[in-house]
PDB file of all heavy atoms in Angstrom:
ATOM      1  N   ALA A   1      39.763 -10.814 -45.994  1.00  0.00           N
ATOM      2  CA  ALA A   1      39.314  -9.429 -46.144  1.00  0.00           C
ATOM      3  C   ALA A   1      39.999  -8.492 -45.140  1.00  0.00           C
ATOM      4  O   ALA A   1      39.684  -7.307 -45.085  1.00  0.00           O
ATOM      5  CB  ALA A   1      37.800  -9.348 -45.977  1.00  0.00           C
ATOM      6  N   GLY A   2      40.927  -9.032 -44.343  1.00  0.00           N
ATOM      7  CA  GLY A   2      41.648  -8.213 -43.379  1.00  0.00           C
ATOM      8  C   GLY A   2      40.964  -8.065 -42.041  1.00  0.00           C
ATOM      9  O   GLY A   2      41.364  -7.218 -41.225  1.00  0.00           O
ATOM     10  N   LEU A   3      39.936  -8.883 -41.785  1.00  0.00           N
ATOM     11  CA  LEU A   3      39.188  -8.809 -40.528  1.00  0.00           C
ATOM     12  C   LEU A   3      39.705  -9.881 -39.577  1.00  0.00           C
ATOM     13  O   LEU A   3      39.195 -10.996 -39.520  1.00  0.00           O
ATOM     14  CB  LEU A   3      37.698  -8.989 -40.804  1.00  0.00           C
ATOM     15  CG  LEU A   3      37.088  -8.003 -41.806  1.00  0.00           C
ATOM     16  CD1 LEU A   3      35.640  -8.362 -42.095  1.00  0.00           C
ATOM     17  CD2 LEU A   3      37.194  -6.568 -41.299  1.00  0.00           C
ATOM     18  N   VAL A   4      40.725  -9.555 -38.826  1.00  0.00           N
ATOM     19  CA  VAL A   4      41.348 -10.505 -37.903  1.00  0.00           C
ATOM     20  C   VAL A   4      40.450 -10.665 -36.681  1.00  0.00           C
ATOM     21  O   VAL A   4      40.058  -9.670 -36.052  1.00  0.00           O
ATOM     22  CB  VAL A   4      42.746 -10.022 -37.479  1.00  0.00           C
ATOM     23  CG1 VAL A   4      43.365 -10.984 -36.465  1.00  0.00           C
ATOM     24  CG2 VAL A   4      43.644  -9.876 -38.701  1.00  0.00           C
ATOM     25  N   PRO A   5      40.084 -11.898 -36.308  1.00  0.00           N
ATOM     26  CA  PRO A   5      39.167 -12.092 -35.177  1.00  0.00           C
ATOM     27  C   PRO A   5      39.736 -11.551 -33.869  1.00  0.00           C
ATOM     28  O   PRO A   5      40.945 -11.619 -33.619  1.00  0.00           O
ATOM     29  CB  PRO A   5      39.008 -13.622 -35.102  1.00  0.00           C
ATOM     30  CG  PRO A   5      39.431 -14.124 -36.448  1.00  0.00           C
ATOM     31  CD  PRO A   5      40.472 -13.166 -36.943  1.00  0.00           C
ATOM     32  N   LYS A   6      38.835 -11.030 -33.041  1.00  0.00           N
ATOM     33  CA  LYS A   6      39.232 -10.627 -31.692  1.00  0.00           C
ATOM     34  C   LYS A   6      39.386 -11.854 -30.823  1.00  0.00           C
ATOM     35  O   LYS A   6      40.289 -11.920 -29.984  1.00  0.00           O
ATOM     36  CB  LYS A   6      38.176  -9.684 -31.107  1.00  0.00           C
ATOM     37  CG  LYS A   6      38.463  -9.268 -29.675  1.00  0.00           C
ATOM     38  CD  LYS A   6      37.397  -8.316 -29.143  1.00  0.00           C
ATOM     39  CE  LYS A   6      37.697  -7.906 -27.700  1.00  0.00           C
ATOM     40  NZ  LYS A   6      36.675  -6.945 -27.196  1.00  0.00           N
ATOM     41  N   VAL A   7      38.491 -12.821 -30.998  1.00  0.00           N
ATOM     42  CA  VAL A   7      38.536 -14.060 -30.229  1.00  0.00           C
ATOM     43  C   VAL A   7      37.995 -15.183 -31.097  1.00  0.00           C
ATOM     44  O   VAL A   7      37.112 -14.972 -31.931  1.00  0.00           O
ATOM     45  CB  VAL A   7      37.716 -13.926 -28.921  1.00  0.00           C
ATOM     46  CG1 VAL A   7      36.272 -13.568 -29.207  1.00  0.00           C
ATOM     47  CG2 VAL A   7      37.791 -15.194 -28.086  1.00  0.00           C
ATOM     48  N   VAL A   8      38.557 -16.365 -30.940  1.00  0.00           N
ATOM     49  CA  VAL A   8      38.086 -17.564 -31.646  1.00  0.00           C
ATOM     50  C   VAL A   8      37.825 -18.651 -30.614  1.00  0.00           C
ATOM     51  O   VAL A   8      38.651 -18.889 -29.716  1.00  0.00           O
ATOM     52  CB  VAL A   8      39.131 -18.051 -32.677  1.00  0.00           C
ATOM     53  CG1 VAL A   8      38.826 -19.474 -33.132  1.00  0.00           C
ATOM     54  CG2 VAL A   8      39.147 -17.118 -33.888  1.00  0.00           C
ATOM     55  N   PHE A   9      36.677 -19.295 -30.723  1.00  0.00           N
ATOM     56  CA  PHE A   9      36.327 -20.436 -29.878  1.00  0.00           C
ATOM     57  C   PHE A   9      36.377 -21.691 -30.740  1.00  0.00           C
ATOM     58  O   PHE A   9      35.919 -21.684 -31.887  1.00  0.00           O
ATOM     59  CB  PHE A   9      34.907 -20.268 -29.317  1.00  0.00           C
ATOM     60  CG  PHE A   9      34.733 -19.072 -28.432  1.00  0.00           C
ATOM     61  CD1 PHE A   9      34.377 -17.839 -28.977  1.00  0.00           C
ATOM     62  CD2 PHE A   9      34.922 -19.163 -27.063  1.00  0.00           C
ATOM     63  CE1 PHE A   9      34.212 -16.724 -28.164  1.00  0.00           C
ATOM     64  CE2 PHE A   9      34.760 -18.053 -26.244  1.00  0.00           C
ATOM     65  CZ  PHE A   9      34.408 -16.829 -26.798  1.00  0.00           C
ATOM     66  N   TRP A  10      36.941 -22.759 -30.187  1.00  0.00           N
ATOM     67  CA  TRP A  10      36.998 -24.001 -30.958  1.00  0.00           C
ATOM     68  C   TRP A  10      36.705 -25.198 -30.060  1.00  0.00           C
ATOM     69  O   TRP A  10      36.919 -25.148 -28.856  1.00  0.00           O
ATOM     70  CB  TRP A  10      38.362 -24.167 -31.633  1.00  0.00           C
ATOM     71  CG  TRP A  10      39.500 -24.394 -30.678  1.00  0.00           C
ATOM     72  CD1 TRP A  10      40.152 -23.464 -29.921  1.00  0.00           C
ATOM     73  CD2 TRP A  10      40.103 -25.649 -30.363  1.00  0.00           C
ATOM     74  NE1 TRP A  10      41.131 -24.053 -29.151  1.00  0.00           N
ATOM     75  CE2 TRP A  10      41.127 -25.397 -29.407  1.00  0.00           C
ATOM     76  CE3 TRP A  10      39.890 -26.963 -30.788  1.00  0.00           C
ATOM     77  CZ2 TRP A  10      41.924 -26.415 -28.882  1.00  0.00           C
ATOM     78  CZ3 TRP A  10      40.686 -27.971 -30.256  1.00  0.00           C
ATOM     79  CH2 TRP A  10      41.692 -27.690 -29.318  1.00  0.00           C
ATOM     80  N   SER A  11      36.173 -26.243 -30.673  1.00  0.00           N
ATOM     81  CA  SER A  11      35.889 -27.482 -29.937  1.00  0.00           C
ATOM     82  C   SER A  11      36.528 -28.645 -30.685  1.00  0.00           C
ATOM     83  O   SER A  11      37.075 -28.482 -31.782  1.00  0.00           O
ATOM     84  CB  SER A  11      34.377 -27.687 -29.791  1.00  0.00           C
ATOM     85  OG  SER A  11      33.758 -27.829 -31.056  1.00  0.00           O
ATOM     86  N   GLU A  12      36.425 -29.822 -30.121  1.00  0.00           N
ATOM     87  CA  GLU A  12      37.152 -30.977 -30.641  1.00  0.00           C
ATOM     88  C   GLU A  12      36.715 -31.384 -32.053  1.00  0.00           C
ATOM     89  O   GLU A  12      37.462 -32.085 -32.750  1.00  0.00           O
ATOM     90  CB  GLU A  12      36.982 -32.164 -29.695  1.00  0.00           C
ATOM     91  CG  GLU A  12      35.520 -32.565 -29.477  1.00  0.00           C
ATOM     92  CD  GLU A  12      35.351 -33.589 -28.373  1.00  0.00           C
ATOM     93  OE1 GLU A  12      36.321 -33.820 -27.633  1.00  0.00           O
ATOM     94  OE2 GLU A  12      34.255 -34.143 -28.265  1.00  0.00           O
ATOM     95  N   GLU A  13      35.527 -30.960 -32.496  1.00  0.00           N
ATOM     96  CA  GLU A  13      35.078 -31.304 -33.848  1.00  0.00           C
ATOM     97  C   GLU A  13      35.901 -30.603 -34.921  1.00  0.00           C
ATOM     98  O   GLU A  13      35.957 -31.043 -36.066  1.00  0.00           O
ATOM     99  CB  GLU A  13      33.607 -30.915 -34.059  1.00  0.00           C
ATOM    100  CG  GLU A  13      32.610 -31.734 -33.265  1.00  0.00           C
ATOM    101  CD  GLU A  13      32.443 -31.210 -31.854  1.00  0.00           C
ATOM    102  OE1 GLU A  13      33.064 -30.166 -31.538  1.00  0.00           O
ATOM    103  OE2 GLU A  13      31.722 -31.833 -31.070  1.00  0.00           O
ATOM    104  N   TYR A  14      36.551 -29.513 -34.550  1.00  0.00           N
ATOM    105  CA  TYR A  14      37.299 -28.729 -35.535  1.00  0.00           C
ATOM    106  C   TYR A  14      38.627 -29.388 -35.839  1.00  0.00           C
ATOM    107  O   TYR A  14      39.435 -29.653 -34.944  1.00  0.00           O
ATOM    108  CB  TYR A  14      37.522 -27.314 -35.003  1.00  0.00           C
ATOM    109  CG  TYR A  14      38.371 -26.462 -35.919  1.00  0.00           C
ATOM    110  CD1 TYR A  14      37.999 -26.222 -37.230  1.00  0.00           C
ATOM    111  CD2 TYR A  14      39.563 -25.909 -35.458  1.00  0.00           C
ATOM    112  CE1 TYR A  14      38.783 -25.441 -38.068  1.00  0.00           C
ATOM    113  CE2 TYR A  14      40.354 -25.122 -36.280  1.00  0.00           C
ATOM    114  CZ  TYR A  14      39.953 -24.888 -37.586  1.00  0.00           C
ATOM    115  OH  TYR A  14      40.740 -24.119 -38.408  1.00  0.00           O
ATOM    116  N   GLN A  15      38.864 -29.655 -37.102  1.00  0.00           N
ATOM    117  CA  GLN A  15      40.129 -30.214 -37.560  1.00  0.00           C
ATOM    118  C   GLN A  15      40.942 -29.096 -38.207  1.00  0.00           C
ATOM    119  O   GLN A  15      40.641 -28.670 -39.325  1.00  0.00           O
ATOM    120  CB  GLN A  15      39.884 -31.344 -38.572  1.00  0.00           C
ATOM    121  CG  GLN A  15      39.034 -32.488 -38.039  1.00  0.00           C
ATOM    122  CD  GLN A  15      39.723 -33.221 -36.893  1.00  0.00           C
ATOM    123  OE1 GLN A  15      40.926 -33.479 -36.931  1.00  0.00           O
ATOM    124  NE2 GLN A  15      38.944 -33.544 -35.862  1.00  0.00           N
ATOM    125  N   ASP A  16      41.958 -28.619 -37.510  1.00  0.00           N
ATOM    126  CA  ASP A  16      42.719 -27.465 -37.985  1.00  0.00           C
ATOM    127  C   ASP A  16      43.780 -27.904 -38.994  1.00  0.00           C
ATOM    128  O   ASP A  16      44.983 -27.903 -38.712  1.00  0.00           O
ATOM    129  CB  ASP A  16      43.355 -26.746 -36.794  1.00  0.00           C
ATOM    130  CG  ASP A  16      43.904 -25.383 -37.168  1.00  0.00           C
ATOM    131  OD1 ASP A  16      43.625 -24.923 -38.294  1.00  0.00           O
ATOM    132  OD2 ASP A  16      44.613 -24.778 -36.349  1.00  0.00           O
ATOM    133  N   GLN A  17      43.314 -28.222 -40.191  1.00  0.00           N
ATOM    134  CA  GLN A  17      44.218 -28.763 -41.216  1.00  0.00           C
ATOM    135  C   GLN A  17      45.150 -27.713 -41.803  1.00  0.00           C
ATOM    136  O   GLN A  17      46.188 -28.044 -42.372  1.00  0.00           O
ATOM    137  CB  GLN A  17      43.398 -29.417 -42.329  1.00  0.00           C
ATOM    138  CG  GLN A  17      42.552 -30.590 -41.850  1.00  0.00           C
ATOM    139  CD  GLN A  17      41.654 -31.132 -42.938  1.00  0.00           C
ATOM    140  OE1 GLN A  17      41.438 -30.493 -43.964  1.00  0.00           O
ATOM    141  NE2 GLN A  17      41.129 -32.328 -42.725  1.00  0.00           N
ATOM    142  N   HIS A  18      44.770 -26.437 -41.694  1.00  0.00           N
ATOM    143  CA  HIS A  18      45.573 -25.388 -42.341  1.00  0.00           C
ATOM    144  C   HIS A  18      46.284 -24.480 -41.345  1.00  0.00           C
ATOM    145  O   HIS A  18      46.791 -23.419 -41.710  1.00  0.00           O
ATOM    146  CB  HIS A  18      44.675 -24.547 -43.256  1.00  0.00           C
ATOM    147  CG  HIS A  18      43.970 -25.359 -44.292  1.00  0.00           C
ATOM    148  ND1 HIS A  18      44.639 -25.930 -45.368  1.00  0.00           N
ATOM    149  CD2 HIS A  18      42.666 -25.719 -44.423  1.00  0.00           C
ATOM    150  CE1 HIS A  18      43.765 -26.595 -46.116  1.00  0.00           C
ATOM    151  NE2 HIS A  18      42.576 -26.490 -45.560  1.00  0.00           N
ATOM    152  N   GLY A  19      46.312 -24.887 -40.087  1.00  0.00           N
ATOM    153  CA  GLY A  19      47.052 -24.116 -39.090  1.00  0.00           C
ATOM    154  C   GLY A  19      46.444 -22.763 -38.787  1.00  0.00           C
ATOM    155  O   GLY A  19      47.167 -21.795 -38.507  1.00  0.00           O
ATOM    156  N   PHE A  20      45.105 -22.691 -38.780  1.00  0.00           N
ATOM    157  CA  PHE A  20      44.439 -21.411 -38.549  1.00  0.00           C
ATOM    158  C   PHE A  20      44.602 -20.946 -37.095  1.00  0.00           C
ATOM    159  O   PHE A  20      44.841 -19.763 -36.847  1.00  0.00           O
ATOM    160  CB  PHE A  20      42.951 -21.526 -38.903  1.00  0.00           C
ATOM    161  CG  PHE A  20      42.183 -20.248 -38.777  1.00  0.00           C
ATOM    162  CD1 PHE A  20      42.467 -19.169 -39.601  1.00  0.00           C
ATOM    163  CD2 PHE A  20      41.177 -20.103 -37.834  1.00  0.00           C
ATOM    164  CE1 PHE A  20      41.767 -17.975 -39.491  1.00  0.00           C
ATOM    165  CE2 PHE A  20      40.460 -18.916 -37.709  1.00  0.00           C
ATOM    166  CZ  PHE A  20      40.757 -17.851 -38.548  1.00  0.00           C
ATOM    167  N   LEU A  21      44.505 -21.863 -36.147  1.00  0.00           N
ATOM    168  CA  LEU A  21      44.598 -21.462 -34.739  1.00  0.00           C
ATOM    169  C   LEU A  21      45.977 -20.894 -34.386  1.00  0.00           C
ATOM    170  O   LEU A  21      46.059 -19.837 -33.731  1.00  0.00           O
ATOM    171  CB  LEU A  21      44.230 -22.631 -33.829  1.00  0.00           C
ATOM    172  CG  LEU A  21      42.773 -23.109 -33.917  1.00  0.00           C
ATOM    173  CD1 LEU A  21      42.532 -24.267 -32.957  1.00  0.00           C
ATOM    174  CD2 LEU A  21      41.809 -21.963 -33.624  1.00  0.00           C
ATOM    175  N   PRO A  22      47.080 -21.523 -34.806  1.00  0.00           N
ATOM    176  CA  PRO A  22      48.385 -20.900 -34.544  1.00  0.00           C
ATOM    177  C   PRO A  22      48.515 -19.527 -35.203  1.00  0.00           C
ATOM    178  O   PRO A  22      49.111 -18.609 -34.623  1.00  0.00           O
ATOM    179  CB  PRO A  22      49.381 -21.900 -35.155  1.00  0.00           C
ATOM    180  CG  PRO A  22      48.667 -23.205 -35.122  1.00  0.00           C
ATOM    181  CD  PRO A  22      47.233 -22.878 -35.370  1.00  0.00           C
ATOM    182  N   LEU A  23      47.937 -19.376 -36.394  1.00  0.00           N
ATOM    183  CA  LEU A  23      47.979 -18.085 -37.078  1.00  0.00           C
ATOM    184  C   LEU A  23      47.224 -17.027 -36.264  1.00  0.00           C
ATOM    185  O   LEU A  23      47.682 -15.889 -36.137  1.00  0.00           O
ATOM    186  CB  LEU A  23      47.358 -18.223 -38.470  1.00  0.00           C
ATOM    187  CG  LEU A  23      47.437 -17.007 -39.399  1.00  0.00           C
ATOM    188  CD1 LEU A  23      48.888 -16.645 -39.693  1.00  0.00           C
ATOM    189  CD2 LEU A  23      46.691 -17.297 -40.702  1.00  0.00           C
ATOM    190  N   CYS A  24      46.090 -17.433 -35.700  1.00  0.00           N
ATOM    191  CA  CYS A  24      45.331 -16.513 -34.849  1.00  0.00           C
ATOM    192  C   CYS A  24      46.147 -16.091 -33.641  1.00  0.00           C
ATOM    193  O   CYS A  24      46.207 -14.902 -33.291  1.00  0.00           O
ATOM    194  CB  CYS A  24      44.030 -17.168 -34.393  1.00  0.00           C
ATOM    195  SG  CYS A  24      42.755 -17.283 -35.664  1.00  0.00           S
ATOM    196  N   ARG A  25      46.768 -17.058 -33.002  1.00  0.00           N
ATOM    197  CA  ARG A  25      47.566 -16.733 -31.808  1.00  0.00           C
ATOM    198  C   ARG A  25      48.695 -15.767 -32.157  1.00  0.00           C
ATOM    199  O   ARG A  25      48.973 -14.818 -31.420  1.00  0.00           O
ATOM    200  CB  ARG A  25      48.124 -18.020 -31.196  1.00  0.00           C
ATOM    201  CG  ARG A  25      47.062 -18.944 -30.594  1.00  0.00           C
ATOM    202  CD  ARG A  25      47.691 -20.108 -29.855  1.00  0.00           C
ATOM    203  NE  ARG A  25      46.693 -20.999 -29.280  1.00  0.00           N
ATOM    204  CZ  ARG A  25      46.274 -22.127 -29.864  1.00  0.00           C
ATOM    205  NH1 ARG A  25      46.791 -22.507 -31.040  1.00  0.00           N
ATOM    206  NH2 ARG A  25      45.360 -22.885 -29.282  1.00  0.00           N
ATOM    207  N   GLN A  26      49.344 -15.993 -33.297  1.00  0.00           N
ATOM    208  CA  GLN A  26      50.436 -15.119 -33.719  1.00  0.00           C
ATOM    209  C   GLN A  26      49.947 -13.698 -33.983  1.00  0.00           C
ATOM    210  O   GLN A  26      50.711 -12.738 -33.845  1.00  0.00           O
ATOM    211  CB  GLN A  26      51.091 -15.685 -34.982  1.00  0.00           C
ATOM    212  CG  GLN A  26      51.845 -16.983 -34.776  1.00  0.00           C
ATOM    213  CD  GLN A  26      52.235 -17.637 -36.089  1.00  0.00           C
ATOM    214  OE1 GLN A  26      52.195 -17.005 -37.155  1.00  0.00           O
ATOM    215  NE2 GLN A  26      52.610 -18.906 -36.030  1.00  0.00           N
ATOM    216  N   SER A  27      48.692 -13.567 -34.360  1.00  0.00           N
ATOM    217  CA  SER A  27      48.133 -12.255 -34.694  1.00  0.00           C
ATOM    218  C   SER A  27      47.493 -11.560 -33.505  1.00  0.00           C
ATOM    219  O   SER A  27      46.916 -10.486 -33.652  1.00  0.00           O
ATOM    220  CB  SER A  27      47.101 -12.406 -35.818  1.00  0.00           C
ATOM    221  OG  SER A  27      47.708 -12.958 -36.968  1.00  0.00           O
ATOM    222  N   GLY A  28      47.568 -12.182 -32.341  1.00  0.00           N
ATOM    223  CA  GLY A  28      47.034 -11.570 -31.138  1.00  0.00           C
ATOM    224  C   GLY A  28      45.594 -11.918 -30.831  1.00  0.00           C
ATOM    225  O   GLY A  28      45.009 -11.358 -29.893  1.00  0.00           O
ATOM    226  N   THR A  29      45.008 -12.815 -31.602  1.00  0.00           N
ATOM    227  CA  THR A  29      43.635 -13.253 -31.347  1.00  0.00           C
ATOM    228  C   THR A  29      43.602 -14.160 -30.117  1.00  0.00           C
ATOM    229  O   THR A  29      44.450 -15.047 -29.969  1.00  0.00           O
ATOM    230  CB  THR A  29      43.081 -14.032 -32.554  1.00  0.00           C
ATOM    231  OG1 THR A  29      43.079 -13.174 -33.688  1.00  0.00           O
ATOM    232  CG2 THR A  29      41.673 -14.543 -32.297  1.00  0.00           C
ATOM    233  N   ARG A  30      42.632 -13.950 -29.252  1.00  0.00           N
ATOM    234  CA  ARG A  30      42.464 -14.843 -28.108  1.00  0.00           C
ATOM    235  C   ARG A  30      41.821 -16.129 -28.597  1.00  0.00           C
ATOM    236  O   ARG A  30      40.781 -16.105 -29.266  1.00  0.00           O
ATOM    237  CB  ARG A  30      41.590 -14.169 -27.038  1.00  0.00           C
ATOM    238  CG  ARG A  30      41.556 -14.942 -25.716  1.00  0.00           C
ATOM    239  CD  ARG A  30      40.962 -14.108 -24.600  1.00  0.00           C
ATOM    240  NE  ARG A  30      39.513 -14.061 -24.652  1.00  0.00           N
ATOM    241  CZ  ARG A  30      38.810 -13.014 -25.033  1.00  0.00           C
ATOM    242  NH1 ARG A  30      39.428 -11.901 -25.416  1.00  0.00           N
ATOM    243  NH2 ARG A  30      37.490 -13.035 -25.036  1.00  0.00           N
ATOM    244  N   VAL A  31      42.405 -17.271 -28.289  1.00  0.00           N
ATOM    245  CA  VAL A  31      41.914 -18.575 -28.728  1.00  0.00           C
ATOM    246  C   VAL A  31      41.431 -19.344 -27.503  1.00  0.00           C
ATOM    247  O   VAL A  31      42.196 -19.549 -26.557  1.00  0.00           O
ATOM    248  CB  VAL A  31      43.005 -19.368 -29.470  1.00  0.00           C
ATOM    249  CG1 VAL A  31      42.505 -20.751 -29.859  1.00  0.00           C
ATOM    250  CG2 VAL A  31      43.454 -18.591 -30.718  1.00  0.00           C
ATOM    251  N   VAL A  32      40.160 -19.755 -27.536  1.00  0.00           N
ATOM    252  CA  VAL A  32      39.527 -20.356 -26.362  1.00  0.00           C
ATOM    253  C   VAL A  32      38.945 -21.718 -26.729  1.00  0.00           C
ATOM    254  O   VAL A  32      38.205 -21.838 -27.713  1.00  0.00           O
ATOM    255  CB  VAL A  32      38.400 -19.450 -25.815  1.00  0.00           C
ATOM    256  CG1 VAL A  32      37.755 -20.068 -24.585  1.00  0.00           C
ATOM    257  CG2 VAL A  32      38.935 -18.051 -25.511  1.00  0.00           C
ATOM    258  N   ALA A  33      39.261 -22.737 -25.964  1.00  0.00           N
ATOM    259  CA  ALA A  33      38.705 -24.077 -26.177  1.00  0.00           C
ATOM    260  C   ALA A  33      37.399 -24.217 -25.400  1.00  0.00           C
ATOM    261  O   ALA A  33      37.295 -23.781 -24.252  1.00  0.00           O
ATOM    262  CB  ALA A  33      39.696 -25.140 -25.727  1.00  0.00           C
ATOM    263  N   VAL A  34      36.407 -24.830 -26.054  1.00  0.00           N
ATOM    264  CA  VAL A  34      35.113 -25.088 -25.405  1.00  0.00           C
ATOM    265  C   VAL A  34      34.693 -26.521 -25.714  1.00  0.00           C
ATOM    266  O   VAL A  34      35.191 -27.141 -26.664  1.00  0.00           O
ATOM    267  CB  VAL A  34      34.016 -24.111 -25.888  1.00  0.00           C
ATOM    268  CG1 VAL A  34      34.402 -22.672 -25.588  1.00  0.00           C
ATOM    269  CG2 VAL A  34      33.732 -24.285 -27.370  1.00  0.00           C
ATOM    270  N   THR A  35      33.777 -27.038 -24.945  1.00  0.00           N
ATOM    271  CA  THR A  35      33.268 -28.375 -25.240  1.00  0.00           C
ATOM    272  C   THR A  35      32.311 -28.307 -26.435  1.00  0.00           C
ATOM    273  O   THR A  35      31.820 -27.238 -26.807  1.00  0.00           O
ATOM    274  CB  THR A  35      32.508 -28.954 -24.040  1.00  0.00           C
ATOM    275  OG1 THR A  35      31.364 -28.133 -23.773  1.00  0.00           O
ATOM    276  CG2 THR A  35      33.408 -29.014 -22.809  1.00  0.00           C
TER     277      THR A  35
END
């Protein structure tokens, strides 16, 4: 819908099968790892 996240938090349970996190980084979204 064109709503690019300002920040994304992810933990080890997330399986990034479609490359969403790299796409976020490329778009300027802050990507933060948490337990």
